[in-house]
Amino acid sequence: MDPISTARYGMMAATQQLTASANRVAANGVNGDYPAEAVSQIQAKQAFTADAGVIKVANEMWQSLLGLQAR
């Protein structure tokens, strides 16, 4: 699997994790485990950000290769 596909899969998983956590918070109301859900949401955000960084670097590398080819 190429890095972009792997990062894309990771971003989808992070989105699903965040959605599930938000749904649990909404469903449990005042009886929810807010500290655990906050940790889950922070982890999902960091995973998403890391995967977006992988895509950004891969894109920069691709643009550099295209630039070399154009010379």
Protein backbone atom coordinates (compact mmCIF):
# COMPACT_ATOMS: atom_id res chain seq x y z
CA MET A 1 0.00 0.00 0.00
CA ASP A 2 1.32 3.45 -0.80
CA PRO A 3 1.72 6.10 1.93
CA ILE A 4 -1.14 8.26 0.67
CA SER A 5 -3.60 5.36 0.77
CA THR A 6 -2.43 4.42 4.25
CA ALA A 7 -2.78 8.02 5.45
CA ARG A 8 -6.20 8.29 3.85
CA TYR A 9 -7.32 5.14 5.66
CA GLY A 10 -5.94 6.58 8.91
CA MET A 11 -7.86 9.81 8.39
CA MET A 12 -11.08 7.88 7.84
CA ALA A 13 -10.46 5.84 11.00
CA ALA A 14 -9.78 9.00 13.01
CA THR A 15 -12.99 10.56 11.69
CA GLN A 16 -14.95 7.48 12.71
CA GLN A 17 -13.35 7.53 16.18
CA LEU A 18 -14.28 11.19 16.64
CA THR A 19 -17.84 10.62 15.42
CA ALA A 20 -18.30 7.62 17.75
CA SER A 21 -17.00 9.62 20.71
CA ALA A 22 -19.27 12.56 19.93
CA ASN A 23 -22.24 10.20 19.65
CA ARG A 24 -21.41 8.64 23.03
CA VAL A 25 -21.22 12.08 24.65
CA ALA A 26 -24.57 13.07 23.13
CA ALA A 27 -26.24 9.79 24.12
CA ASN A 28 -24.96 9.69 27.71
CA GLY A 29 -25.70 13.30 28.63
CA VAL A 30 -24.65 14.22 32.16
CA ASN A 31 -23.80 10.59 33.01
CA GLY A 32 -21.03 10.35 30.41
CA ASP A 33 -17.36 9.67 31.04
CA TYR A 34 -16.18 13.05 29.77
CA PRO A 35 -12.46 12.67 30.59
CA ALA A 36 -12.24 9.42 28.61
CA GLU A 37 -14.15 10.94 25.71
CA ALA A 38 -11.91 14.01 25.73
CA VAL A 39 -8.85 11.74 25.52
CA SER A 40 -10.45 9.79 22.66
CA GLN A 41 -11.23 12.99 20.76
CA ILE A 42 -7.72 14.38 21.26
CA GLN A 43 -6.22 11.10 20.02
CA ALA A 44 -8.46 11.18 16.96
CA LYS A 45 -7.48 14.78 16.23
CA GLN A 46 -3.76 14.02 16.55
CA ALA A 47 -4.05 10.93 14.34
CA PHE A 48 -5.93 12.92 11.70
CA THR A 49 -3.33 15.72 11.82
CA ALA A 50 -0.45 13.25 11.52
CA ASP A 51 -2.04 11.53 8.53
CA ALA A 52 -2.69 14.89 6.87
CA GLY A 53 1.01 15.68 7.37
CA VAL A 54 1.96 12.45 5.60
CA ILE A 55 -0.18 13.43 2.63
CA LYS A 56 1.33 16.92 2.60
CA VAL A 57 4.91 15.58 2.59
CA ALA A 58 4.06 13.02 -0.10
CA ASN A 59 2.58 15.80 -2.23
CA GLU A 60 5.67 17.97 -1.73
CA MET A 61 7.91 15.06 -2.76
CA TRP A 62 5.79 14.46 -5.85
CA GLN A 63 5.95 18.14 -6.81
CA SER A 64 9.74 18.08 -6.36
CA LEU A 65 10.03 15.08 -8.65
CA LEU A 66 7.88 16.78 -11.25
CA GLY A 67 10.04 19.88 -10.96
CA LEU A 68 13.18 17.82 -11.58
CA GLN A 69 11.60 16.21 -14.59
CA ALA A 70 10.67 19.58 -16.07
CA ARG A 71 14.31 20.74 -16.04
